[in-house]
Amino acid sequence: MLDLTLEKYNFTNEDVEFAQKIIKWNGIKNGIQRVDACRTQDGKLLLVELEDLNPYLSVLELDEETREVFMTDLINAFNNMV
């Protein structure tokens, strides 16, 4: 049976650089972007999906500290739009 349990992923600097390149290329000015990627057997990242304004972010699945940081950043982003 396939296990689809969400788990926190401890990203690397390489992962962040990959995601930032995709986000910069996409170019939306405001919003939430989710970059989904998979790692090949030789360790390279491949883009699987780029989702703008993702309505389901699994926020409730995050640990409390990560959730609080995310929500604070999200609120600040909304406040900076006006």
PDB file of N, CA and C in Angstrom:
ATOM      1  N   MET A   1       0.841  -1.171   0.000  1.00  0.00           N
ATOM      2  CA  MET A   1       0.000   0.000   0.000  1.00  0.00           C
ATOM      3  C   MET A   1       0.894   1.244   0.000  1.00  0.00           C
ATOM      4  N   LEU A   2       0.509   2.235  -0.754  1.00  0.00           N
ATOM      5  CA  LEU A   2       1.244   3.483  -0.876  1.00  0.00           C
ATOM      6  C   LEU A   2       0.983   4.363   0.341  1.00  0.00           C
ATOM      7  N   ASP A   3       2.059   4.851   0.974  1.00  0.00           N
ATOM      8  CA  ASP A   3       1.938   5.724   2.149  1.00  0.00           C
ATOM      9  C   ASP A   3       1.994   7.175   1.691  1.00  0.00           C
ATOM     10  N   LEU A   4       0.921   7.927   1.885  1.00  0.00           N
ATOM     11  CA  LEU A   4       0.850   9.323   1.469  1.00  0.00           C
ATOM     12  C   LEU A   4       0.897  10.278   2.661  1.00  0.00           C
ATOM     13  N   THR A   5       1.535   9.872   3.726  1.00  0.00           N
ATOM     14  CA  THR A   5       1.653  10.699   4.910  1.00  0.00           C
ATOM     15  C   THR A   5       2.552  11.897   4.626  1.00  0.00           C
ATOM     16  N   LEU A   6       2.071  13.088   4.974  1.00  0.00           N
ATOM     17  CA  LEU A   6       2.883  14.287   4.809  1.00  0.00           C
ATOM     18  C   LEU A   6       3.903  14.365   5.933  1.00  0.00           C
ATOM     19  N   GLU A   7       5.126  14.684   5.567  1.00  0.00           N
ATOM     20  CA  GLU A   7       6.189  14.826   6.545  1.00  0.00           C
ATOM     21  C   GLU A   7       6.958  16.099   6.270  1.00  0.00           C
ATOM     22  N   LYS A   8       7.472  16.715   7.325  1.00  0.00           N
ATOM     23  CA  LYS A   8       8.294  17.902   7.164  1.00  0.00           C
ATOM     24  C   LYS A   8       9.577  17.502   6.439  1.00  0.00           C
ATOM     25  N   TYR A   9       9.943  18.299   5.453  1.00  0.00           N
ATOM     26  CA  TYR A   9      11.148  18.038   4.672  1.00  0.00           C
ATOM     27  C   TYR A   9      12.210  19.054   5.064  1.00  0.00           C
ATOM     28  N   ASN A  10      13.348  18.595   5.466  1.00  0.00           N
ATOM     29  CA  ASN A  10      14.458  19.477   5.817  1.00  0.00           C
ATOM     30  C   ASN A  10      15.233  19.795   4.545  1.00  0.00           C
ATOM     31  N   PHE A  11      14.936  20.951   3.968  1.00  0.00           N
ATOM     32  CA  PHE A  11      15.493  21.330   2.683  1.00  0.00           C
ATOM     33  C   PHE A  11      16.954  21.754   2.790  1.00  0.00           C
ATOM     34  N   THR A  12      17.628  21.655   1.652  1.00  0.00           N
ATOM     35  CA  THR A  12      19.024  22.057   1.566  1.00  0.00           C
ATOM     36  C   THR A  12      19.105  23.419   0.870  1.00  0.00           C
ATOM     37  N   ASN A  13      20.263  24.028   0.911  1.00  0.00           N
ATOM     38  CA  ASN A  13      20.470  25.282   0.180  1.00  0.00           C
ATOM     39  C   ASN A  13      20.240  25.065  -1.314  1.00  0.00           C
ATOM     40  N   GLU A  14      20.641  23.908  -1.839  1.00  0.00           N
ATOM     41  CA  GLU A  14      20.410  23.580  -3.247  1.00  0.00           C
ATOM     42  C   GLU A  14      18.910  23.549  -3.559  1.00  0.00           C
ATOM     43  N   ASP A  15      18.124  22.993  -2.652  1.00  0.00           N
ATOM     44  CA  ASP A  15      16.669  22.940  -2.833  1.00  0.00           C
ATOM     45  C   ASP A  15      16.087  24.349  -2.910  1.00  0.00           C
ATOM     46  N   VAL A  16      16.544  25.238  -2.025  1.00  0.00           N
ATOM     47  CA  VAL A  16      16.057  26.617  -1.998  1.00  0.00           C
ATOM     48  C   VAL A  16      16.442  27.335  -3.287  1.00  0.00           C
ATOM     49  N   GLU A  17      17.670  27.169  -3.730  1.00  0.00           N
ATOM     50  CA  GLU A  17      18.119  27.800  -4.976  1.00  0.00           C
ATOM     51  C   GLU A  17      17.280  27.332  -6.157  1.00  0.00           C
ATOM     52  N   PHE A  18      16.993  26.047  -6.210  1.00  0.00           N
ATOM     53  CA  PHE A  18      16.153  25.491  -7.278  1.00  0.00           C
ATOM     54  C   PHE A  18      14.772  26.143  -7.254  1.00  0.00           C
ATOM     55  N   ALA A  19      14.147  26.187  -6.069  1.00  0.00           N
ATOM     56  CA  ALA A  19      12.804  26.762  -5.947  1.00  0.00           C
ATOM     57  C   ALA A  19      12.810  28.242  -6.294  1.00  0.00           C
ATOM     58  N   GLN A  20      13.842  28.976  -5.853  1.00  0.00           N
ATOM     59  CA  GLN A  20      13.904  30.410  -6.131  1.00  0.00           C
ATOM     60  C   GLN A  20      14.030  30.688  -7.629  1.00  0.00           C
ATOM     61  N   LYS A  21      14.750  29.859  -8.357  1.00  0.00           N
ATOM     62  CA  LYS A  21      14.845  30.021  -9.815  1.00  0.00           C
ATOM     63  C   LYS A  21      13.473  29.866 -10.458  1.00  0.00           C
ATOM     64  N   ILE A  22      12.714  28.873 -10.001  1.00  0.00           N
ATOM     65  CA  ILE A  22      11.376  28.631 -10.559  1.00  0.00           C
ATOM     66  C   ILE A  22      10.452  29.795 -10.206  1.00  0.00           C
ATOM     67  N   ILE A  23      10.498  30.262  -8.961  1.00  0.00           N
ATOM     68  CA  ILE A  23       9.644  31.362  -8.517  1.00  0.00           C
ATOM     69  C   ILE A  23       9.967  32.636  -9.292  1.00  0.00           C
ATOM     70  N   LYS A  24      11.252  32.921  -9.465  1.00  0.00           N
ATOM     71  CA  LYS A  24      11.664  34.108 -10.221  1.00  0.00           C
ATOM     72  C   LYS A  24      11.172  34.015 -11.668  1.00  0.00           C
ATOM     73  N   TRP A  25      11.298  32.842 -12.255  1.00  0.00           N
ATOM     74  CA  TRP A  25      10.842  32.635 -13.638  1.00  0.00           C
ATOM     75  C   TRP A  25       9.337  32.863 -13.741  1.00  0.00           C
ATOM     76  N   ASN A  26       8.579  32.391 -12.749  1.00  0.00           N
ATOM     77  CA  ASN A  26       7.122  32.499 -12.772  1.00  0.00           C
ATOM     78  C   ASN A  26       6.684  33.957 -12.695  1.00  0.00           C
ATOM     79  N   GLY A  27       7.291  34.730 -11.816  1.00  0.00           N
ATOM     80  CA  GLY A  27       7.107  36.170 -11.797  1.00  0.00           C
ATOM     81  C   GLY A  27       5.812  36.748 -11.260  1.00  0.00           C
ATOM     82  N   ILE A  28       5.015  35.987 -10.504  1.00  0.00           N
ATOM     83  CA  ILE A  28       3.833  36.640  -9.933  1.00  0.00           C
ATOM     84  C   ILE A  28       4.292  37.603  -8.843  1.00  0.00           C
ATOM     85  N   LYS A  29       3.581  38.727  -8.709  1.00  0.00           N
ATOM     86  CA  LYS A  29       4.003  39.760  -7.764  1.00  0.00           C
ATOM     87  C   LYS A  29       3.552  39.468  -6.347  1.00  0.00           C
ATOM     88  N   ASN A  30       2.381  38.919  -6.178  1.00  0.00           N
ATOM     89  CA  ASN A  30       1.839  38.614  -4.863  1.00  0.00           C
ATOM     90  C   ASN A  30       1.189  37.244  -4.905  1.00  0.00           C
ATOM     91  N   GLY A  31       1.277  36.551  -3.803  1.00  0.00           N
ATOM     92  CA  GLY A  31       0.616  35.266  -3.735  1.00  0.00           C
ATOM     93  C   GLY A  31       1.489  34.219  -3.084  1.00  0.00           C
ATOM     94  N   ILE A  32       0.998  33.027  -3.082  1.00  0.00           N
ATOM     95  CA  ILE A  32       1.703  31.883  -2.509  1.00  0.00           C
ATOM     96  C   ILE A  32       2.005  30.937  -3.659  1.00  0.00           C
ATOM     97  N   GLN A  33       3.228  30.536  -3.756  1.00  0.00           N
ATOM     98  CA  GLN A  33       3.602  29.577  -4.786  1.00  0.00           C
ATOM     99  C   GLN A  33       4.120  28.317  -4.107  1.00  0.00           C
ATOM    100  N   ARG A  34       3.731  27.202  -4.642  1.00  0.00           N
ATOM    101  CA  ARG A  34       4.267  25.929  -4.156  1.00  0.00           C
ATOM    102  C   ARG A  34       5.018  25.294  -5.308  1.00  0.00           C
ATOM    103  N   VAL A  35       6.265  24.956  -5.051  1.00  0.00           N
ATOM    104  CA  VAL A  35       7.115  24.318  -6.042  1.00  0.00           C
ATOM    105  C   VAL A  35       7.289  22.866  -5.624  1.00  0.00           C
ATOM    106  N   ASP A  36       6.753  21.959  -6.419  1.00  0.00           N
ATOM    107  CA  ASP A  36       6.911  20.533  -6.149  1.00  0.00           C
ATOM    108  C   ASP A  36       7.979  19.983  -7.076  1.00  0.00           C
ATOM    109  N   ALA A  37       8.891  19.234  -6.505  1.00  0.00           N
ATOM    110  CA  ALA A  37       9.973  18.658  -7.299  1.00  0.00           C
ATOM    111  C   ALA A  37      10.244  17.243  -6.821  1.00  0.00           C
ATOM    112  N   CYS A  38      10.921  16.502  -7.660  1.00  0.00           N
ATOM    113  CA  CYS A  38      11.380  15.173  -7.264  1.00  0.00           C
ATOM    114  C   CYS A  38      12.879  15.101  -7.511  1.00  0.00           C
ATOM    115  N   ARG A  39      13.521  14.217  -6.803  1.00  0.00           N
ATOM    116  CA  ARG A  39      14.962  14.059  -6.939  1.00  0.00           C
ATOM    117  C   ARG A  39      15.232  12.795  -7.750  1.00  0.00           C
ATOM    118  N   THR A  40      16.067  12.934  -8.767  1.00  0.00           N
ATOM    119  CA  THR A  40      16.430  11.789  -9.604  1.00  0.00           C
ATOM    120  C   THR A  40      17.422  10.896  -8.857  1.00  0.00           C
ATOM    121  N   GLN A  41      17.692   9.748  -9.401  1.00  0.00           N
ATOM    122  CA  GLN A  41      18.631   8.829  -8.763  1.00  0.00           C
ATOM    123  C   GLN A  41      20.024   9.427  -8.643  1.00  0.00           C
ATOM    124  N   ASP A  42      20.376  10.336  -9.558  1.00  0.00           N
ATOM    125  CA  ASP A  42      21.698  10.961  -9.474  1.00  0.00           C
ATOM    126  C   ASP A  42      21.678  12.255  -8.657  1.00  0.00           C
ATOM    127  N   GLY A  43      20.545  12.547  -7.977  1.00  0.00           N
ATOM    128  CA  GLY A  43      20.482  13.662  -7.041  1.00  0.00           C
ATOM    129  C   GLY A  43      19.996  14.984  -7.612  1.00  0.00           C
ATOM    130  N   LYS A  44      19.717  15.060  -8.901  1.00  0.00           N
ATOM    131  CA  LYS A  44      19.235  16.306  -9.508  1.00  0.00           C
ATOM    132  C   LYS A  44      17.752  16.500  -9.195  1.00  0.00           C
ATOM    133  N   LEU A  45      17.351  17.782  -9.127  1.00  0.00           N
ATOM    134  CA  LEU A  45      15.948  18.101  -8.901  1.00  0.00           C
ATOM    135  C   LEU A  45      15.240  18.326 -10.231  1.00  0.00           C
ATOM    136  N   LEU A  46      14.022  17.809 -10.333  1.00  0.00           N
ATOM    137  CA  LEU A  46      13.177  18.012 -11.501  1.00  0.00           C
ATOM    138  C   LEU A  46      11.857  18.627 -11.049  1.00  0.00           C
ATOM    139  N   LEU A  47      11.418  19.667 -11.764  1.00  0.00           N
ATOM    140  CA  LEU A  47      10.140  20.294 -11.455  1.00  0.00           C
ATOM    141  C   LEU A  47       9.010  19.334 -11.778  1.00  0.00           C
ATOM    142  N   VAL A  48       8.120  19.147 -10.823  1.00  0.00           N
ATOM    143  CA  VAL A  48       6.942  18.300 -11.021  1.00  0.00           C
ATOM    144  C   VAL A  48       5.715  19.178 -11.234  1.00  0.00           C
ATOM    145  N   GLU A  49       5.589  20.218 -10.383  1.00  0.00           N
ATOM    146  CA  GLU A  49       4.408  21.077 -10.456  1.00  0.00           C
ATOM    147  C   GLU A  49       4.730  22.428  -9.834  1.00  0.00           C
ATOM    148  N   LEU A  50       4.199  23.468 -10.433  1.00  0.00           N
ATOM    149  CA  LEU A  50       4.266  24.814  -9.873  1.00  0.00           C
ATOM    150  C   LEU A  50       2.832  25.269  -9.698  1.00  0.00           C
ATOM    151  N   GLU A  51       2.480  25.603  -8.477  1.00  0.00           N
ATOM    152  CA  GLU A  51       1.099  25.953  -8.202  1.00  0.00           C
ATOM    153  C   GLU A  51       1.039  27.340  -7.575  1.00  0.00           C
ATOM    154  N   ASP A  52       0.294  28.239  -8.213  1.00  0.00           N
ATOM    155  CA  ASP A  52       0.086  29.589  -7.701  1.00  0.00           C
ATOM    156  C   ASP A  52      -1.184  29.619  -6.867  1.00  0.00           C
ATOM    157  N   LEU A  53      -1.124  30.401  -5.797  1.00  0.00           N
ATOM    158  CA  LEU A  53      -2.308  30.636  -4.964  1.00  0.00           C
ATOM    159  C   LEU A  53      -2.940  29.324  -4.516  1.00  0.00           C
ATOM    160  N   ASN A  54      -2.097  28.429  -4.083  1.00  0.00           N
ATOM    161  CA  ASN A  54      -2.532  27.098  -3.670  1.00  0.00           C
ATOM    162  C   ASN A  54      -3.518  27.188  -2.507  1.00  0.00           C
ATOM    163  N   PRO A  55      -4.760  26.731  -2.693  1.00  0.00           N
ATOM    164  CA  PRO A  55      -5.742  26.834  -1.620  1.00  0.00           C
ATOM    165  C   PRO A  55      -5.515  25.818  -0.499  1.00  0.00           C
ATOM    166  N   TYR A  56      -4.745  24.781  -0.761  1.00  0.00           N
ATOM    167  CA  TYR A  56      -4.499  23.766   0.268  1.00  0.00           C
ATOM    168  C   TYR A  56      -3.006  23.673   0.512  1.00  0.00           C
ATOM    169  N   LEU A  57      -2.553  24.221   1.610  1.00  0.00           N
ATOM    170  CA  LEU A  57      -1.123  24.280   1.901  1.00  0.00           C
ATOM    171  C   LEU A  57      -0.701  23.327   3.004  1.00  0.00           C
ATOM    172  N   SER A  58      -1.604  22.527   3.505  1.00  0.00           N
ATOM    173  CA  SER A  58      -1.292  21.604   4.595  1.00  0.00           C
ATOM    174  C   SER A  58      -0.791  22.336   5.837  1.00  0.00           C
ATOM    175  N   VAL A  59      -1.294  23.528   6.061  1.00  0.00           N
ATOM    176  CA  VAL A  59      -0.848  24.339   7.193  1.00  0.00           C
ATOM    177  C   VAL A  59      -1.080  23.607   8.516  1.00  0.00           C
ATOM    178  N   LEU A  60      -2.174  22.903   8.626  1.00  0.00           N
ATOM    179  CA  LEU A  60      -2.475  22.211   9.878  1.00  0.00           C
ATOM    180  C   LEU A  60      -1.538  21.041  10.131  1.00  0.00           C
ATOM    181  N   GLU A  61      -0.841  20.599   9.101  1.00  0.00           N
ATOM    182  CA  GLU A  61       0.098  19.487   9.248  1.00  0.00           C
ATOM    183  C   GLU A  61       1.461  19.949   9.752  1.00  0.00           C
ATOM    184  N   LEU A  62       1.695  21.258   9.763  1.00  0.00           N
ATOM    185  CA  LEU A  62       2.983  21.796  10.190  1.00  0.00           C
ATOM    186  C   LEU A  62       3.110  21.772  11.704  1.00  0.00           C
ATOM    187  N   ASP A  63       4.350  21.720  12.188  1.00  0.00           N
ATOM    188  CA  ASP A  63       4.542  21.873  13.627  1.00  0.00           C
ATOM    189  C   ASP A  63       4.187  23.315  13.990  1.00  0.00           C
ATOM    190  N   GLU A  64       3.913  23.561  15.257  1.00  0.00           N
ATOM    191  CA  GLU A  64       3.391  24.859  15.688  1.00  0.00           C
ATOM    192  C   GLU A  64       4.330  26.017  15.333  1.00  0.00           C
ATOM    193  N   GLU A  65       5.637  25.849  15.536  1.00  0.00           N
ATOM    194  CA  GLU A  65       6.577  26.934  15.263  1.00  0.00           C
ATOM    195  C   GLU A  65       6.595  27.288  13.778  1.00  0.00           C
ATOM    196  N   THR A  66       6.648  26.283  12.921  1.00  0.00           N
ATOM    197  CA  THR A  66       6.661  26.526  11.478  1.00  0.00           C
ATOM    198  C   THR A  66       5.359  27.163  11.024  1.00  0.00           C
ATOM    199  N   ARG A  67       4.237  26.692  11.575  1.00  0.00           N
ATOM    200  CA  ARG A  67       2.922  27.248  11.230  1.00  0.00           C
ATOM    201  C   ARG A  67       2.845  28.720  11.622  1.00  0.00           C
ATOM    202  N   GLU A  68       3.340  29.067  12.815  1.00  0.00           N
ATOM    203  CA  GLU A  68       3.305  30.457  13.276  1.00  0.00           C
ATOM    204  C   GLU A  68       4.162  31.360  12.393  1.00  0.00           C
ATOM    205  N   VAL A  69       5.345  30.888  12.019  1.00  0.00           N
ATOM    206  CA  VAL A  69       6.213  31.676  11.136  1.00  0.00           C
ATOM    207  C   VAL A  69       5.541  31.881   9.795  1.00  0.00           C
ATOM    208  N   PHE A  70       4.956  30.815   9.249  1.00  0.00           N
ATOM    209  CA  PHE A  70       4.272  30.916   7.957  1.00  0.00           C
ATOM    210  C   PHE A  70       3.122  31.911   8.034  1.00  0.00           C
ATOM    211  N   MET A  71       2.284  31.791   9.053  1.00  0.00           N
ATOM    212  CA  MET A  71       1.120  32.669   9.162  1.00  0.00           C
ATOM    213  C   MET A  71       1.539  34.123   9.362  1.00  0.00           C
ATOM    214  N   THR A  72       2.578  34.362  10.150  1.00  0.00           N
ATOM    215  CA  THR A  72       3.078  35.726  10.344  1.00  0.00           C
ATOM    216  C   THR A  72       3.583  36.300   9.021  1.00  0.00           C
ATOM    217  N   ASP A  73       4.349  35.503   8.279  1.00  0.00           N
ATOM    218  CA  ASP A  73       4.850  35.957   6.979  1.00  0.00           C
ATOM    219  C   ASP A  73       3.703  36.212   6.004  1.00  0.00           C
ATOM    220  N   LEU A  74       2.688  35.362   6.027  1.00  0.00           N
ATOM    221  CA  LEU A  74       1.542  35.527   5.135  1.00  0.00           C
ATOM    222  C   LEU A  74       0.783  36.814   5.464  1.00  0.00           C
ATOM    223  N   ILE A  75       0.547  37.062   6.732  1.00  0.00           N
ATOM    224  CA  ILE A  75      -0.148  38.280   7.152  1.00  0.00           C
ATOM    225  C   ILE A  75       0.654  39.515   6.756  1.00  0.00           C
ATOM    226  N   ASN A  76       1.977  39.468   6.969  1.00  0.00           N
ATOM    227  CA  ASN A  76       2.831  40.594   6.575  1.00  0.00           C
ATOM    228  C   ASN A  76       2.771  40.824   5.063  1.00  0.00           C
ATOM    229  N   ALA A  77       2.755  39.751   4.300  1.00  0.00           N
ATOM    230  CA  ALA A  77       2.672  39.887   2.837  1.00  0.00           C
ATOM    231  C   ALA A  77       1.371  40.563   2.437  1.00  0.00           C
ATOM    232  N   PHE A  78       0.257  40.158   3.060  1.00  0.00           N
ATOM    233  CA  PHE A  78      -1.032  40.795   2.759  1.00  0.00           C
ATOM    234  C   PHE A  78      -1.013  42.271   3.151  1.00  0.00           C
ATOM    235  N   ASN A  79      -0.455  42.591   4.312  1.00  0.00           N
ATOM    236  CA  ASN A  79      -0.381  43.977   4.764  1.00  0.00           C
ATOM    237  C   ASN A  79       0.466  44.824   3.835  1.00  0.00           C
ATOM    238  N   ASN A  80       1.501  44.255   3.241  1.00  0.00           N
ATOM    239  CA  ASN A  80       2.380  44.995   2.331  1.00  0.00           C
ATOM    240  C   ASN A  80       1.769  45.212   0.957  1.00  0.00           C
ATOM    241  N   MET A  81       0.648  44.567   0.664  1.00  0.00           N
ATOM    242  CA  MET A  81      -0.006  44.716  -0.633  1.00  0.00           C
ATOM    243  C   MET A  81      -0.774  46.027  -0.731  1.00  0.00           C
ATOM    244  N   VAL A  82      -1.156  46.599   0.400  1.00  0.00           N
ATOM    245  CA  VAL A  82      -1.977  47.805   0.378  1.00  0.00           C
ATOM    246  C   VAL A  82      -1.158  49.068   0.428  1.00  0.00           C
TER     247      VAL A  82
END
